[in-house]
Amino acid sequence: MAKHVLTDASVVLNSVDLSDHVDTVSFVVTIVGQPASAMADVEDYSMPGLRKISPITLTMYQDFAASKTYATLMTLWTNRTSFNCVIKPTSSAAASTNPQFTVSVFISSFPVVAAKHGDAHMSNITLEPAGIMTISAP
């Protein structure tokens, strides 16, 4: 069975491909546990409830050029816009071996200027889910 090394992930925000500015991406899905134990039970346990998409976090190189990090994200943040975040393990076309995850999100945190003198200027962005997730894997 093949193993995967993440080297070419694709991150598209509001139809703008910012993959070349992404240093790290974290996209986590979970299931919310629902209490299921009753009076006669001697153990506390849960049943699987709703699926949950945790906030998507990105560490990106800040860039103030047109159609890059600042220009794309500040407009979305200023307008409080929900938009699609599309993530794939590689930049290749969506396939069963390269699923495409699309989630409607909004920006809940966007550090515009955050760095130590001499460091790379990075922004740790938090995208809150604002809709259901779709998975495309033809």
C-alpha atoms as a PDB file:
ATOM      1  CA  MET A   1       0.000   0.000   0.000  1.00  0.00           C
ATOM      2  CA  ALA A   2       1.339   3.418  -0.957  1.00  0.00           C
ATOM      3  CA  LYS A   3       2.057   6.025   1.662  1.00  0.00           C
ATOM      4  CA  HIS A   4       1.620   9.729   1.040  1.00  0.00           C
ATOM      5  CA  VAL A   5       4.052  12.582   1.666  1.00  0.00           C
ATOM      6  CA  LEU A   6       2.375  15.981   1.554  1.00  0.00           C
ATOM      7  CA  THR A   7       4.434  18.078  -0.860  1.00  0.00           C
ATOM      8  CA  ASP A   8       1.982  19.475  -3.403  1.00  0.00           C
ATOM      9  CA  ALA A   9      -1.283  20.170  -1.568  1.00  0.00           C
ATOM     10  CA  SER A  10      -3.766  22.427  -3.295  1.00  0.00           C
ATOM     11  CA  VAL A  11      -5.579  25.202  -1.411  1.00  0.00           C
ATOM     12  CA  VAL A  12      -8.004  27.397  -3.332  1.00  0.00           C
ATOM     13  CA  LEU A  13      -9.858  30.163  -1.488  1.00  0.00           C
ATOM     14  CA  ASN A  14     -12.758  31.912  -3.213  1.00  0.00           C
ATOM     15  CA  SER A  15     -11.510  30.559  -6.583  1.00  0.00           C
ATOM     16  CA  VAL A  16      -8.005  31.996  -6.006  1.00  0.00           C
ATOM     17  CA  ASP A  17      -5.246  29.368  -5.939  1.00  0.00           C
ATOM     18  CA  LEU A  18      -3.014  30.331  -3.011  1.00  0.00           C
ATOM     19  CA  SER A  19      -1.242  26.964  -2.802  1.00  0.00           C
ATOM     20  CA  ASP A  20       2.130  28.568  -3.519  1.00  0.00           C
ATOM     21  CA  HIS A  21       1.775  30.671  -0.335  1.00  0.00           C
ATOM     22  CA  VAL A  22       0.594  27.885   2.015  1.00  0.00           C
ATOM     23  CA  ASP A  23       3.205  26.523   4.423  1.00  0.00           C
ATOM     24  CA  THR A  24       0.854  24.340   6.497  1.00  0.00           C
ATOM     25  CA  VAL A  25      -2.779  23.276   6.222  1.00  0.00           C
ATOM     26  CA  SER A  26      -4.917  21.465   8.779  1.00  0.00           C
ATOM     27  CA  PHE A  27      -8.324  20.098   7.768  1.00  0.00           C
ATOM     28  CA  VAL A  28      -9.868  17.896  10.479  1.00  0.00           C
ATOM     29  CA  VAL A  29     -13.230  16.128  10.504  1.00  0.00           C
ATOM     30  CA  THR A  30     -14.772  14.562  13.597  1.00  0.00           C
ATOM     31  CA  ILE A  31     -18.017  13.082  14.851  1.00  0.00           C
ATOM     32  CA  VAL A  32     -19.785  14.649  17.800  1.00  0.00           C
ATOM     33  CA  GLY A  33     -20.528  12.037  20.447  1.00  0.00           C
ATOM     34  CA  GLN A  34     -24.055  11.941  21.836  1.00  0.00           C
ATOM     35  CA  PRO A  35     -24.587  10.631  25.380  1.00  0.00           C
ATOM     36  CA  ALA A  36     -26.127   7.158  25.261  1.00  0.00           C
ATOM     37  CA  SER A  37     -25.784   5.672  28.739  1.00  0.00           C
ATOM     38  CA  ALA A  38     -28.879   5.155  30.851  1.00  0.00           C
ATOM     39  CA  MET A  39     -29.652   4.373  34.508  1.00  0.00           C
ATOM     40  CA  ALA A  40     -28.977   0.635  34.271  1.00  0.00           C
ATOM     41  CA  ASP A  41     -25.581   1.088  32.588  1.00  0.00           C
ATOM     42  CA  VAL A  42     -22.406   0.803  34.645  1.00  0.00           C
ATOM     43  CA  GLU A  43     -20.324   2.655  32.073  1.00  0.00           C
ATOM     44  CA  ASP A  44     -20.672   6.061  30.479  1.00  0.00           C
ATOM     45  CA  TYR A  45     -20.582   5.925  26.696  1.00  0.00           C
ATOM     46  CA  SER A  46     -21.677   7.785  23.581  1.00  0.00           C
ATOM     47  CA  MET A  47     -23.188   7.085  20.189  1.00  0.00           C
ATOM     48  CA  PRO A  48     -21.925   8.704  17.017  1.00  0.00           C
ATOM     49  CA  GLY A  49     -23.852  11.909  16.335  1.00  0.00           C
ATOM     50  CA  LEU A  50     -23.445  14.588  13.715  1.00  0.00           C
ATOM     51  CA  ARG A  51     -20.353  14.899  11.578  1.00  0.00           C
ATOM     52  CA  LYS A  52     -18.340  18.013  12.397  1.00  0.00           C
ATOM     53  CA  ILE A  53     -15.780  19.970  10.431  1.00  0.00           C
ATOM     54  CA  SER A  54     -13.282  21.651  12.713  1.00  0.00           C
ATOM     55  CA  PRO A  55     -11.983  25.092  11.786  1.00  0.00           C
ATOM     56  CA  ILE A  56      -9.543  24.882   8.875  1.00  0.00           C
ATOM     57  CA  THR A  57      -6.200  26.425   9.751  1.00  0.00           C
ATOM     58  CA  LEU A  58      -3.588  27.680   7.328  1.00  0.00           C
ATOM     59  CA  THR A  59      -0.134  29.092   7.875  1.00  0.00           C
ATOM     60  CA  MET A  60       0.549  31.259   4.854  1.00  0.00           C
ATOM     61  CA  TYR A  61       3.304  33.546   3.665  1.00  0.00           C
ATOM     62  CA  GLN A  62       1.939  37.083   3.761  1.00  0.00           C
ATOM     63  CA  ASP A  63       1.997  38.835   0.389  1.00  0.00           C
ATOM     64  CA  PHE A  64       0.551  42.267  -0.348  1.00  0.00           C
ATOM     65  CA  ALA A  65       0.562  41.899  -4.165  1.00  0.00           C
ATOM     66  CA  ALA A  66      -2.675  41.843  -6.166  1.00  0.00           C
ATOM     67  CA  SER A  67      -4.587  38.527  -6.006  1.00  0.00           C
ATOM     68  CA  LYS A  68      -2.329  37.134  -3.280  1.00  0.00           C
ATOM     69  CA  THR A  69      -2.754  36.543   0.461  1.00  0.00           C
ATOM     70  CA  TYR A  70      -3.652  40.025   1.743  1.00  0.00           C
ATOM     71  CA  ALA A  71      -5.676  41.214  -1.258  1.00  0.00           C
ATOM     72  CA  THR A  72      -7.741  38.025  -1.367  1.00  0.00           C
ATOM     73  CA  LEU A  73      -8.333  37.514   2.348  1.00  0.00           C
ATOM     74  CA  MET A  74      -8.755  41.109   3.531  1.00  0.00           C
ATOM     75  CA  THR A  75     -11.581  41.683   1.050  1.00  0.00           C
ATOM     76  CA  LEU A  76     -13.341  38.511   2.226  1.00  0.00           C
ATOM     77  CA  TRP A  77     -12.820  39.420   5.892  1.00  0.00           C
ATOM     78  CA  THR A  78     -13.906  43.066   5.441  1.00  0.00           C
ATOM     79  CA  ASN A  79     -17.115  42.022   3.694  1.00  0.00           C
ATOM     80  CA  ARG A  80     -17.776  39.145   6.152  1.00  0.00           C
ATOM     81  CA  THR A  81     -18.137  36.885   3.131  1.00  0.00           C
ATOM     82  CA  SER A  82     -18.704  33.138   3.137  1.00  0.00           C
ATOM     83  CA  PHE A  83     -16.713  31.503   0.354  1.00  0.00           C
ATOM     84  CA  ASN A  84     -15.529  28.092  -0.783  1.00  0.00           C
ATOM     85  CA  CYS A  85     -12.306  26.593   0.498  1.00  0.00           C
ATOM     86  CA  VAL A  86     -11.186  23.764  -1.792  1.00  0.00           C
ATOM     87  CA  ILE A  87      -8.441  21.426  -0.543  1.00  0.00           C
ATOM     88  CA  LYS A  88      -6.806  18.499  -2.351  1.00  0.00           C
ATOM     89  CA  PRO A  89      -3.826  16.371  -1.284  1.00  0.00           C
ATOM     90  CA  THR A  90      -2.103  17.223  -4.585  1.00  0.00           C
ATOM     91  CA  SER A  91      -2.565  19.820  -7.303  1.00  0.00           C
ATOM     92  CA  SER A  92      -3.541  17.102  -9.803  1.00  0.00           C
ATOM     93  CA  ALA A  93      -7.124  16.672 -10.958  1.00  0.00           C
ATOM     94  CA  ALA A  94      -9.621  15.305  -8.445  1.00  0.00           C
ATOM     95  CA  ALA A  95      -9.662  11.503  -8.502  1.00  0.00           C
ATOM     96  CA  SER A  96     -10.292   8.576  -6.191  1.00  0.00           C
ATOM     97  CA  THR A  97      -6.613   8.847  -5.223  1.00  0.00           C
ATOM     98  CA  ASN A  98      -6.799  12.675  -4.938  1.00  0.00           C
ATOM     99  CA  PRO A  99     -10.134  13.609  -3.320  1.00  0.00           C
ATOM    100  CA  GLN A 100     -11.271  17.215  -3.477  1.00  0.00           C
ATOM    101  CA  PHE A 101     -12.874  18.627  -0.318  1.00  0.00           C
ATOM    102  CA  THR A 102     -15.027  21.758  -0.681  1.00  0.00           C
ATOM    103  CA  VAL A 103     -16.297  23.594   2.393  1.00  0.00           C
ATOM    104  CA  SER A 104     -18.102  26.919   2.640  1.00  0.00           C
ATOM    105  CA  VAL A 105     -16.144  28.977   5.198  1.00  0.00           C
ATOM    106  CA  PHE A 106     -15.634  32.470   6.575  1.00  0.00           C
ATOM    107  CA  ILE A 107     -12.494  34.048   8.021  1.00  0.00           C
ATOM    108  CA  SER A 108     -12.617  34.134  11.810  1.00  0.00           C
ATOM    109  CA  SER A 109      -8.959  35.092  12.316  1.00  0.00           C
ATOM    110  CA  PHE A 110      -6.478  36.726   9.938  1.00  0.00           C
ATOM    111  CA  PRO A 111      -3.294  38.232  11.426  1.00  0.00           C
ATOM    112  CA  VAL A 112      -2.360  40.936   8.941  1.00  0.00           C
ATOM    113  CA  VAL A 113       1.072  41.725  10.406  1.00  0.00           C
ATOM    114  CA  ALA A 114       2.645  39.163  12.744  1.00  0.00           C
ATOM    115  CA  ALA A 115       6.349  38.357  12.759  1.00  0.00           C
ATOM    116  CA  LYS A 116       9.575  38.821  14.647  1.00  0.00           C
ATOM    117  CA  HIS A 117      12.299  40.995  13.168  1.00  0.00           C
ATOM    118  CA  GLY A 118      14.054  39.073  10.423  1.00  0.00           C
ATOM    119  CA  ASP A 119      11.516  36.210  10.297  1.00  0.00           C
ATOM    120  CA  ALA A 120       9.408  35.180   7.344  1.00  0.00           C
ATOM    121  CA  HIS A 121       6.151  37.148   7.448  1.00  0.00           C
ATOM    122  CA  MET A 122       3.551  34.450   8.085  1.00  0.00           C
ATOM    123  CA  SER A 123      -0.187  34.609   8.823  1.00  0.00           C
ATOM    124  CA  ASN A 124      -1.972  31.906  10.806  1.00  0.00           C
ATOM    125  CA  ILE A 125      -5.457  32.005   9.309  1.00  0.00           C
ATOM    126  CA  THR A 126      -8.540  30.349  10.787  1.00  0.00           C
ATOM    127  CA  LEU A 127     -11.473  29.512   8.519  1.00  0.00           C
ATOM    128  CA  GLU A 128     -14.735  28.602  10.249  1.00  0.00           C
ATOM    129  CA  PRO A 129     -17.074  26.184   8.444  1.00  0.00           C
ATOM    130  CA  ALA A 130     -20.247  27.903   7.228  1.00  0.00           C
ATOM    131  CA  GLY A 131     -21.878  25.037   5.360  1.00  0.00           C
ATOM    132  CA  ILE A 132     -21.697  21.375   4.534  1.00  0.00           C
ATOM    133  CA  MET A 133     -18.667  19.654   3.035  1.00  0.00           C
ATOM    134  CA  THR A 134     -18.704  18.015  -0.363  1.00  0.00           C
ATOM    135  CA  ILE A 135     -16.174  15.447  -1.519  1.00  0.00           C
ATOM    136  CA  SER A 136     -15.391  15.011  -5.186  1.00  0.00           C
ATOM    137  CA  ALA A 137     -13.550  11.827  -6.006  1.00  0.00           C
ATOM    138  CA  PRO A 138     -14.583  10.692  -9.511  1.00  0.00           C
END
